[in-house]
PDB file of all heavy atoms in Angstrom:
ATOM      1  N   LEU A   1      72.403  -8.354  48.070  1.00  0.00           N
ATOM      2  CA  LEU A   1      73.634  -8.827  47.317  1.00  0.00           C
ATOM      3  C   LEU A   1      74.207  -7.649  46.622  1.00  0.00           C
ATOM      4  O   LEU A   1      75.426  -7.665  46.374  1.00  0.00           O
ATOM      5  CB  LEU A   1      73.390 -10.041  46.392  1.00  0.00           C
ATOM      6  CG  LEU A   1      72.903 -11.305  47.007  1.00  0.00           C
ATOM      7  CD1 LEU A   1      72.618 -12.334  45.975  1.00  0.00           C
ATOM      8  CD2 LEU A   1      73.821 -11.724  48.193  1.00  0.00           C
ATOM      9  N   VAL A   2      73.410  -6.728  46.173  1.00  0.00           N
ATOM     10  CA  VAL A   2      74.108  -5.540  45.415  1.00  0.00           C
ATOM     11  C   VAL A   2      74.178  -4.353  46.398  1.00  0.00           C
ATOM     12  O   VAL A   2      74.992  -3.469  45.940  1.00  0.00           O
ATOM     13  CB  VAL A   2      73.181  -5.083  44.338  1.00  0.00           C
ATOM     14  CG1 VAL A   2      73.124  -6.149  43.220  1.00  0.00           C
ATOM     15  CG2 VAL A   2      71.670  -4.776  44.743  1.00  0.00           C
ATOM     16  N   GLU A   3      73.701  -4.308  47.594  1.00  0.00           N
ATOM     17  CA  GLU A   3      73.785  -3.162  48.439  1.00  0.00           C
ATOM     18  C   GLU A   3      74.214  -3.823  49.915  1.00  0.00           C
ATOM     19  O   GLU A   3      73.477  -4.474  50.352  1.00  0.00           O
ATOM     20  CB  GLU A   3      72.533  -2.420  48.514  1.00  0.00           C
ATOM     21  CG  GLU A   3      72.724  -1.086  49.327  1.00  0.00           C
ATOM     22  CD  GLU A   3      73.553  -0.176  48.624  1.00  0.00           C
ATOM     23  OE1 GLU A   3      73.465   0.092  47.577  1.00  0.00           O
ATOM     24  OE2 GLU A   3      74.366   0.536  49.408  1.00  0.00           O
ATOM     25  N   SER A   4      75.385  -3.446  50.302  1.00  0.00           N
ATOM     26  CA  SER A   4      75.886  -4.116  51.519  1.00  0.00           C
ATOM     27  C   SER A   4      75.575  -3.233  52.796  1.00  0.00           C
ATOM     28  O   SER A   4      75.858  -3.726  53.858  1.00  0.00           O
ATOM     29  CB  SER A   4      77.382  -4.104  51.421  1.00  0.00           C
ATOM     30  OG  SER A   4      78.021  -2.847  51.146  1.00  0.00           O
ATOM     31  N   GLY A   5      75.004  -2.199  52.698  1.00  0.00           N
ATOM     32  CA  GLY A   5      74.646  -1.392  53.824  1.00  0.00           C
ATOM     33  C   GLY A   5      75.647  -0.386  54.212  1.00  0.00           C
ATOM     34  O   GLY A   5      76.705  -0.311  53.471  1.00  0.00           O
ATOM     35  N   PRO A   6      75.441   0.500  55.080  1.00  0.00           N
ATOM     36  CA  PRO A   6      74.314   0.485  56.083  1.00  0.00           C
ATOM     37  C   PRO A   6      73.072   0.974  55.337  1.00  0.00           C
ATOM     38  O   PRO A   6      73.126   1.580  54.289  1.00  0.00           O
ATOM     39  CB  PRO A   6      74.766   1.623  56.958  1.00  0.00           C
ATOM     40  CG  PRO A   6      75.778   2.348  56.446  1.00  0.00           C
ATOM     41  CD  PRO A   6      76.382   1.582  55.402  1.00  0.00           C
ATOM     42  N   TYR A   7      71.896   0.678  55.919  1.00  0.00           N
ATOM     43  CA  TYR A   7      70.676   0.863  55.300  1.00  0.00           C
ATOM     44  C   TYR A   7      69.917   2.055  55.883  1.00  0.00           C
ATOM     45  O   TYR A   7      68.644   2.273  55.777  1.00  0.00           O
ATOM     46  CB  TYR A   7      69.765  -0.417  55.472  1.00  0.00           C
ATOM     47  CG  TYR A   7      70.534  -1.632  54.750  1.00  0.00           C
ATOM     48  CD1 TYR A   7      70.999  -2.544  55.625  1.00  0.00           C
ATOM     49  CD2 TYR A   7      70.647  -1.768  53.374  1.00  0.00           C
ATOM     50  CE1 TYR A   7      71.782  -3.575  54.993  1.00  0.00           C
ATOM     51  CE2 TYR A   7      71.334  -2.716  52.853  1.00  0.00           C
ATOM     52  CZ  TYR A   7      71.785  -3.640  53.605  1.00  0.00           C
ATOM     53  OH  TYR A   7      72.457  -4.718  53.103  1.00  0.00           O
ATOM     54  N   ASP A   8      70.627   3.039  56.629  1.00  0.00           N
ATOM     55  CA  ASP A   8      70.099   4.088  57.319  1.00  0.00           C
ATOM     56  C   ASP A   8      69.266   4.997  56.337  1.00  0.00           C
ATOM     57  O   ASP A   8      68.181   5.587  56.764  1.00  0.00           O
ATOM     58  CB  ASP A   8      70.935   4.896  58.031  1.00  0.00           C
ATOM     59  CG  ASP A   8      71.776   4.043  59.183  1.00  0.00           C
ATOM     60  OD1 ASP A   8      71.050   3.072  59.627  1.00  0.00           O
ATOM     61  OD2 ASP A   8      72.859   4.349  59.608  1.00  0.00           O
ATOM     62  N   HIS A   9      69.745   5.170  55.209  1.00  0.00           N
ATOM     63  CA  HIS A   9      69.128   6.145  54.345  1.00  0.00           C
ATOM     64  C   HIS A   9      68.430   5.463  53.104  1.00  0.00           C
ATOM     65  O   HIS A   9      68.187   6.120  51.952  1.00  0.00           O
ATOM     66  CB  HIS A   9      70.206   7.157  53.738  1.00  0.00           C
ATOM     67  CG  HIS A   9      70.795   7.950  54.876  1.00  0.00           C
ATOM     68  ND1 HIS A   9      70.038   8.935  55.505  1.00  0.00           N
ATOM     69  CD2 HIS A   9      71.996   7.905  55.484  1.00  0.00           C
ATOM     70  CE1 HIS A   9      70.758   9.518  56.540  1.00  0.00           C
ATOM     71  NE2 HIS A   9      71.996   8.956  56.505  1.00  0.00           N
ATOM     72  N   SER A  10      68.332   4.107  53.144  1.00  0.00           N
ATOM     73  CA  SER A  10      67.678   3.397  52.117  1.00  0.00           C
ATOM     74  C   SER A  10      66.264   3.327  52.211  1.00  0.00           C
ATOM     75  O   SER A  10      65.745   3.449  53.407  1.00  0.00           O
ATOM     76  CB  SER A  10      68.143   1.887  52.102  1.00  0.00           C
ATOM     77  OG  SER A  10      69.528   1.917  51.726  1.00  0.00           O
ATOM     78  N   TRP A  11      65.427   3.176  51.203  1.00  0.00           N
ATOM     79  CA  TRP A  11      64.049   3.064  51.385  1.00  0.00           C
ATOM     80  C   TRP A  11      63.832   1.828  52.256  1.00  0.00           C
ATOM     81  O   TRP A  11      64.330   0.573  51.928  1.00  0.00           O
ATOM     82  CB  TRP A  11      63.360   2.635  49.936  1.00  0.00           C
ATOM     83  CG  TRP A  11      63.381   3.825  49.066  1.00  0.00           C
ATOM     84  CD1 TRP A  11      63.727   5.190  49.340  1.00  0.00           C
ATOM     85  CD2 TRP A  11      63.188   3.877  47.665  1.00  0.00           C
ATOM     86  NE1 TRP A  11      63.590   5.878  48.158  1.00  0.00           N
ATOM     87  CE2 TRP A  11      63.322   5.064  47.051  1.00  0.00           C
ATOM     88  CE3 TRP A  11      62.684   2.598  46.702  1.00  0.00           C
ATOM     89  CZ2 TRP A  11      63.090   5.332  45.710  1.00  0.00           C
ATOM     90  CZ3 TRP A  11      62.524   2.959  45.519  1.00  0.00           C
ATOM     91  CH2 TRP A  11      62.701   4.203  45.023  1.00  0.00           C
ATOM     92  N   GLY A  12      62.852   2.016  53.188  1.00  0.00           N
ATOM     93  CA  GLY A  12      62.536   0.814  54.102  1.00  0.00           C
ATOM     94  C   GLY A  12      63.580   0.751  55.229  1.00  0.00           C
ATOM     95  O   GLY A  12      63.372  -0.260  55.955  1.00  0.00           O
ATOM     96  N   GLY A  13      64.726   1.463  55.178  1.00  0.00           N
ATOM     97  CA  GLY A  13      65.635   1.182  56.248  1.00  0.00           C
ATOM     98  C   GLY A  13      65.168   1.675  57.563  1.00  0.00           C
ATOM     99  O   GLY A  13      64.078   2.174  57.785  1.00  0.00           O
ATOM    100  N   PRO A  14      65.867   1.454  58.602  1.00  0.00           N
ATOM    101  CA  PRO A  14      67.361   1.246  58.840  1.00  0.00           C
ATOM    102  C   PRO A  14      67.701  -0.195  58.841  1.00  0.00           C
ATOM    103  O   PRO A  14      68.858  -0.557  58.809  1.00  0.00           O
ATOM    104  CB  PRO A  14      67.641   2.021  60.132  1.00  0.00           C
ATOM    105  CG  PRO A  14      66.515   1.824  60.858  1.00  0.00           C
ATOM    106  CD  PRO A  14      65.299   1.851  59.860  1.00  0.00           C
ATOM    107  N   THR A  15      66.740  -1.127  58.668  1.00  0.00           N
ATOM    108  CA  THR A  15      67.153  -2.562  58.848  1.00  0.00           C
ATOM    109  C   THR A  15      67.238  -3.145  57.433  1.00  0.00           C
ATOM    110  O   THR A  15      66.654  -2.709  56.398  1.00  0.00           O
ATOM    111  CB  THR A  15      66.089  -3.379  59.552  1.00  0.00           C
ATOM    112  OG1 THR A  15      64.901  -3.404  58.793  1.00  0.00           O
ATOM    113  CG2 THR A  15      65.971  -2.806  61.018  1.00  0.00           C
ATOM    114  N   LEU A  16      67.940  -4.188  57.238  1.00  0.00           N
ATOM    115  CA  LEU A  16      68.051  -4.940  55.929  1.00  0.00           C
ATOM    116  C   LEU A  16      66.710  -5.379  55.453  1.00  0.00           C
ATOM    117  O   LEU A  16      66.395  -5.267  54.341  1.00  0.00           O
ATOM    118  CB  LEU A  16      69.191  -5.995  56.083  1.00  0.00           C
ATOM    119  CG  LEU A  16      69.183  -7.084  54.861  1.00  0.00           C
ATOM    120  CD1 LEU A  16      69.529  -6.260  53.519  1.00  0.00           C
ATOM    121  CD2 LEU A  16      70.159  -8.184  55.207  1.00  0.00           C
ATOM    122  N   ALA A  17      65.942  -5.983  56.548  1.00  0.00           N
ATOM    123  CA  ALA A  17      64.680  -6.582  56.106  1.00  0.00           C
ATOM    124  C   ALA A  17      63.685  -5.550  55.468  1.00  0.00           C
ATOM    125  O   ALA A  17      62.977  -5.798  54.500  1.00  0.00           O
ATOM    126  CB  ALA A  17      64.111  -7.286  57.253  1.00  0.00           C
ATOM    127  N   GLY A  18      63.618  -4.453  56.122  1.00  0.00           N
ATOM    128  CA  GLY A  18      62.784  -3.371  55.790  1.00  0.00           C
ATOM    129  C   GLY A  18      63.340  -2.763  54.289  1.00  0.00           C
ATOM    130  O   GLY A  18      62.430  -2.551  53.540  1.00  0.00           O
ATOM    131  N   ALA A  19      64.388  -2.596  54.152  1.00  0.00           N
ATOM    132  CA  ALA A  19      65.027  -2.131  52.957  1.00  0.00           C
ATOM    133  C   ALA A  19      64.846  -3.140  51.812  1.00  0.00           C
ATOM    134  O   ALA A  19      64.442  -2.714  50.624  1.00  0.00           O
ATOM    135  CB  ALA A  19      66.509  -1.915  53.037  1.00  0.00           C
ATOM    136  N   TRP A  20      64.996  -4.292  52.075  1.00  0.00           N
ATOM    137  CA  TRP A  20      64.815  -5.448  51.095  1.00  0.00           C
ATOM    138  C   TRP A  20      63.266  -5.447  50.613  1.00  0.00           C
ATOM    139  O   TRP A  20      62.969  -5.569  49.470  1.00  0.00           O
ATOM    140  CB  TRP A  20      65.234  -6.877  51.602  1.00  0.00           C
ATOM    141  CG  TRP A  20      65.264  -7.846  50.618  1.00  0.00           C
ATOM    142  CD1 TRP A  20      65.008  -7.909  49.343  1.00  0.00           C
ATOM    143  CD2 TRP A  20      65.794  -9.362  50.970  1.00  0.00           C
ATOM    144  NE1 TRP A  20      65.164  -9.174  48.710  1.00  0.00           N
ATOM    145  CE2 TRP A  20      65.645 -10.016  49.675  1.00  0.00           C
ATOM    146  CE3 TRP A  20      66.123  -9.914  52.090  1.00  0.00           C
ATOM    147  CZ2 TRP A  20      65.972 -11.327  49.793  1.00  0.00           C
ATOM    148  CZ3 TRP A  20      66.420 -11.232  51.971  1.00  0.00           C
ATOM    149  CH2 TRP A  20      66.460 -11.934  50.817  1.00  0.00           C
ATOM    150  N   ALA A  21      62.516  -5.516  51.769  1.00  0.00           N
ATOM    151  CA  ALA A  21      61.104  -5.443  51.310  1.00  0.00           C
ATOM    152  C   ALA A  21      60.522  -4.314  50.618  1.00  0.00           C
ATOM    153  O   ALA A  21      59.791  -4.490  49.554  1.00  0.00           O
ATOM    154  CB  ALA A  21      60.284  -5.484  52.705  1.00  0.00           C
ATOM    155  N   ALA A  22      61.077  -3.127  50.958  1.00  0.00           N
ATOM    156  CA  ALA A  22      60.685  -1.861  50.201  1.00  0.00           C
ATOM    157  C   ALA A  22      61.060  -1.922  48.710  1.00  0.00           C
ATOM    158  O   ALA A  22      60.433  -1.664  47.755  1.00  0.00           O
ATOM    159  CB  ALA A  22      61.154  -0.694  50.949  1.00  0.00           C
ATOM    160  N   HIS A  23      62.383  -2.406  48.425  1.00  0.00           N
ATOM    161  CA  HIS A  23      62.989  -2.438  47.242  1.00  0.00           C
ATOM    162  C   HIS A  23      62.243  -3.475  46.420  1.00  0.00           C
ATOM    163  O   HIS A  23      61.994  -3.318  45.132  1.00  0.00           O
ATOM    164  CB  HIS A  23      64.482  -2.650  47.103  1.00  0.00           C
ATOM    165  CG  HIS A  23      65.118  -1.321  47.478  1.00  0.00           C
ATOM    166  ND1 HIS A  23      65.186  -0.820  48.689  1.00  0.00           N
ATOM    167  CD2 HIS A  23      65.792  -0.467  46.616  1.00  0.00           C
ATOM    168  CE1 HIS A  23      65.973   0.206  48.698  1.00  0.00           C
ATOM    169  NE2 HIS A  23      66.335   0.486  47.429  1.00  0.00           N
ATOM    170  N   PHE A  24      61.863  -4.636  47.015  1.00  0.00           N
ATOM    171  CA  PHE A  24      61.237  -5.677  46.360  1.00  0.00           C
ATOM    172  C   PHE A  24      59.760  -5.276  45.947  1.00  0.00           C
ATOM    173  O   PHE A  24      59.451  -5.560  44.805  1.00  0.00           O
ATOM    174  CB  PHE A  24      61.186  -6.976  47.181  1.00  0.00           C
ATOM    175  CG  PHE A  24      60.384  -8.062  46.635  1.00  0.00           C
ATOM    176  CD1 PHE A  24      61.002  -8.870  45.585  1.00  0.00           C
ATOM    177  CD2 PHE A  24      59.107  -8.411  46.928  1.00  0.00           C
ATOM    178  CE1 PHE A  24      60.401  -9.853  44.881  1.00  0.00           C
ATOM    179  CE2 PHE A  24      58.496  -9.520  46.365  1.00  0.00           C
ATOM    180  CZ  PHE A  24      59.088 -10.230  45.345  1.00  0.00           C
ATOM    181  N   LEU A  25      59.068  -4.597  46.771  1.00  0.00           N
ATOM    182  CA  LEU A  25      57.778  -4.061  46.477  1.00  0.00           C
ATOM    183  C   LEU A  25      57.767  -3.147  45.377  1.00  0.00           C
ATOM    184  O   LEU A  25      56.864  -2.925  44.671  1.00  0.00           O
ATOM    185  CB  LEU A  25      57.072  -3.715  47.824  1.00  0.00           C
ATOM    186  CG  LEU A  25      56.781  -4.833  48.699  1.00  0.00           C
ATOM    187  CD1 LEU A  25      56.172  -4.196  50.075  1.00  0.00           C
ATOM    188  CD2 LEU A  25      55.716  -5.765  48.115  1.00  0.00           C
ATOM    189  N   VAL A  26      58.738  -2.262  45.352  1.00  0.00           N
ATOM    190  CA  VAL A  26      58.821  -1.202  44.264  1.00  0.00           C
ATOM    191  C   VAL A  26      59.108  -1.865  42.974  1.00  0.00           C
ATOM    192  O   VAL A  26      58.722  -1.471  42.006  1.00  0.00           O
ATOM    193  CB  VAL A  26      59.899  -0.178  44.516  1.00  0.00           C
ATOM    194  CG1 VAL A  26      60.193   0.714  43.384  1.00  0.00           C
ATOM    195  CG2 VAL A  26      59.337   0.808  45.816  1.00  0.00           C
ATOM    196  N   ALA A  27      59.940  -2.964  42.973  1.00  0.00           N
ATOM    197  CA  ALA A  27      60.354  -3.581  41.749  1.00  0.00           C
ATOM    198  C   ALA A  27      59.345  -4.402  41.120  1.00  0.00           C
ATOM    199  O   ALA A  27      59.366  -4.477  39.833  1.00  0.00           O
ATOM    200  CB  ALA A  27      61.496  -4.439  42.060  1.00  0.00           C
ATOM    201  N   LEU A  28      58.269  -4.971  41.947  1.00  0.00           N
ATOM    202  CA  LEU A  28      57.251  -5.799  41.235  1.00  0.00           C
ATOM    203  C   LEU A  28      56.432  -4.952  40.255  1.00  0.00           C
ATOM    204  O   LEU A  28      56.343  -5.578  39.122  1.00  0.00           O
ATOM    205  CB  LEU A  28      56.254  -6.172  42.484  1.00  0.00           C
ATOM    206  CG  LEU A  28      56.847  -7.336  43.286  1.00  0.00           C
ATOM    207  CD1 LEU A  28      55.803  -7.629  44.392  1.00  0.00           C
ATOM    208  CD2 LEU A  28      57.168  -8.510  42.490  1.00  0.00           C
ATOM    209  N   PRO A  29      55.986  -3.843  40.376  1.00  0.00           N
ATOM    210  CA  PRO A  29      55.209  -3.238  39.329  1.00  0.00           C
ATOM    211  C   PRO A  29      56.152  -2.940  38.069  1.00  0.00           C
ATOM    212  O   PRO A  29      55.626  -2.916  36.908  1.00  0.00           O
ATOM    213  CB  PRO A  29      54.804  -1.832  39.839  1.00  0.00           C
ATOM    214  CG  PRO A  29      55.288  -1.754  41.190  1.00  0.00           C
ATOM    215  CD  PRO A  29      55.869  -3.077  41.598  1.00  0.00           C
ATOM    216  N   PHE A  30      57.422  -2.631  38.355  1.00  0.00           N
ATOM    217  CA  PHE A  30      58.305  -2.265  37.113  1.00  0.00           C
ATOM    218  C   PHE A  30      58.556  -3.558  36.499  1.00  0.00           C
ATOM    219  O   PHE A  30      58.462  -3.536  35.177  1.00  0.00           O
ATOM    220  CB  PHE A  30      59.508  -1.713  37.617  1.00  0.00           C
ATOM    221  CG  PHE A  30      59.485  -0.156  38.026  1.00  0.00           C
ATOM    222  CD1 PHE A  30      59.337   0.083  39.362  1.00  0.00           C
ATOM    223  CD2 PHE A  30      59.408   0.776  36.984  1.00  0.00           C
ATOM    224  CE1 PHE A  30      59.154   1.461  39.595  1.00  0.00           C
ATOM    225  CE2 PHE A  30      59.226   2.045  37.378  1.00  0.00           C
ATOM    226  CZ  PHE A  30      59.166   2.478  38.628  1.00  0.00           C
ATOM    227  N   ALA A  31      58.667  -4.642  37.154  1.00  0.00           N
ATOM    228  CA  ALA A  31      58.876  -6.000  36.446  1.00  0.00           C
ATOM    229  C   ALA A  31      57.665  -6.275  35.581  1.00  0.00           C
ATOM    230  O   ALA A  31      57.755  -6.790  34.451  1.00  0.00           O
ATOM    231  CB  ALA A  31      59.174  -6.973  37.512  1.00  0.00           C
ATOM    232  N   ALA A  32      56.407  -6.230  36.204  1.00  0.00           N
ATOM    233  CA  ALA A  32      55.189  -6.364  35.445  1.00  0.00           C
ATOM    234  C   ALA A  32      55.064  -5.481  34.265  1.00  0.00           C
ATOM    235  O   ALA A  32      54.574  -6.015  33.187  1.00  0.00           O
ATOM    236  CB  ALA A  32      54.024  -6.208  36.467  1.00  0.00           C
ATOM    237  N   ALA A  33      55.442  -4.307  34.404  1.00  0.00           N
ATOM    238  CA  ALA A  33      55.359  -3.330  33.166  1.00  0.00           C
ATOM    239  C   ALA A  33      56.469  -3.774  32.136  1.00  0.00           C
ATOM    240  O   ALA A  33      56.085  -3.732  30.926  1.00  0.00           O
ATOM    241  CB  ALA A  33      55.677  -1.822  33.623  1.00  0.00           C
ATOM    242  N   GLY A  34      57.561  -4.095  32.571  1.00  0.00           N
ATOM    243  CA  GLY A  34      58.584  -4.680  31.618  1.00  0.00           C
ATOM    244  C   GLY A  34      58.098  -5.799  30.797  1.00  0.00           C
ATOM    245  O   GLY A  34      58.268  -5.880  29.530  1.00  0.00           O
ATOM    246  N   LEU A  35      57.344  -6.709  31.449  1.00  0.00           N
ATOM    247  CA  LEU A  35      56.989  -7.953  30.728  1.00  0.00           C
ATOM    248  C   LEU A  35      55.798  -7.584  29.805  1.00  0.00           C
ATOM    249  O   LEU A  35      55.657  -8.117  28.784  1.00  0.00           O
ATOM    250  CB  LEU A  35      56.353  -8.930  31.845  1.00  0.00           C
ATOM    251  CG  LEU A  35      57.353  -9.665  32.582  1.00  0.00           C
ATOM    252  CD1 LEU A  35      56.868 -10.543  33.643  1.00  0.00           C
ATOM    253  CD2 LEU A  35      58.242 -10.464  31.549  1.00  0.00           C
ATOM    254  N   GLY A  36      54.951  -6.637  30.277  1.00  0.00           N
ATOM    255  CA  GLY A  36      53.887  -6.106  29.471  1.00  0.00           C
ATOM    256  C   GLY A  36      54.353  -5.403  28.105  1.00  0.00           C
ATOM    257  O   GLY A  36      53.814  -5.622  27.155  1.00  0.00           O
ATOM    258  N   VAL A  37      55.422  -4.609  28.333  1.00  0.00           N
ATOM    259  CA  VAL A  37      56.020  -3.924  27.098  1.00  0.00           C
ATOM    260  C   VAL A  37      56.562  -4.891  26.126  1.00  0.00           C
ATOM    261  O   VAL A  37      56.482  -4.862  24.965  1.00  0.00           O
ATOM    262  CB  VAL A  37      56.975  -2.820  27.573  1.00  0.00           C
ATOM    263  CG1 VAL A  37      57.858  -2.264  26.418  1.00  0.00           C
ATOM    264  CG2 VAL A  37      56.370  -1.783  28.351  1.00  0.00           C
ATOM    265  N   LEU A  38      57.286  -5.929  26.777  1.00  0.00           N
ATOM    266  CA  LEU A  38      57.886  -7.075  25.878  1.00  0.00           C
ATOM    267  C   LEU A  38      56.765  -7.748  25.151  1.00  0.00           C
ATOM    268  O   LEU A  38      56.939  -8.088  24.014  1.00  0.00           O
ATOM    269  CB  LEU A  38      58.801  -7.886  26.741  1.00  0.00           C
ATOM    270  CG  LEU A  38      60.079  -7.478  27.022  1.00  0.00           C
ATOM    271  CD1 LEU A  38      60.820  -8.368  28.046  1.00  0.00           C
ATOM    272  CD2 LEU A  38      60.960  -7.220  25.818  1.00  0.00           C
ATOM    273  N   ALA A  39      55.668  -7.964  25.790  1.00  0.00           N
ATOM    274  CA  ALA A  39      54.583  -8.744  25.184  1.00  0.00           C
ATOM    275  C   ALA A  39      54.027  -7.835  23.966  1.00  0.00           C
ATOM    276  O   ALA A  39      53.585  -8.356  22.989  1.00  0.00           O
ATOM    277  CB  ALA A  39      53.499  -9.093  26.091  1.00  0.00           C
ATOM    278  N   LEU A  40      53.863  -6.490  24.188  1.00  0.00           N
ATOM    279  CA  LEU A  40      53.409  -5.592  23.178  1.00  0.00           C
ATOM    280  C   LEU A  40      54.385  -5.594  22.039  1.00  0.00           C
ATOM    281  O   LEU A  40      53.895  -5.403  20.852  1.00  0.00           O
ATOM    282  CB  LEU A  40      53.143  -4.275  23.795  1.00  0.00           C
ATOM    283  CG  LEU A  40      51.874  -4.073  24.653  1.00  0.00           C
ATOM    284  CD1 LEU A  40      51.887  -2.726  25.353  1.00  0.00           C
ATOM    285  CD2 LEU A  40      50.605  -4.420  23.976  1.00  0.00           C
TER     286      LEU A  40
END
């Protein structure tokens, strides 16, 4: 929804599914770290 493509130079590209999966997997540890910092 925030990146309309083309995904040729995106992480996980050139397909939307690959780019989405790569960005989602990279975001998971950052989300966990953010929650941990808020708890601290």
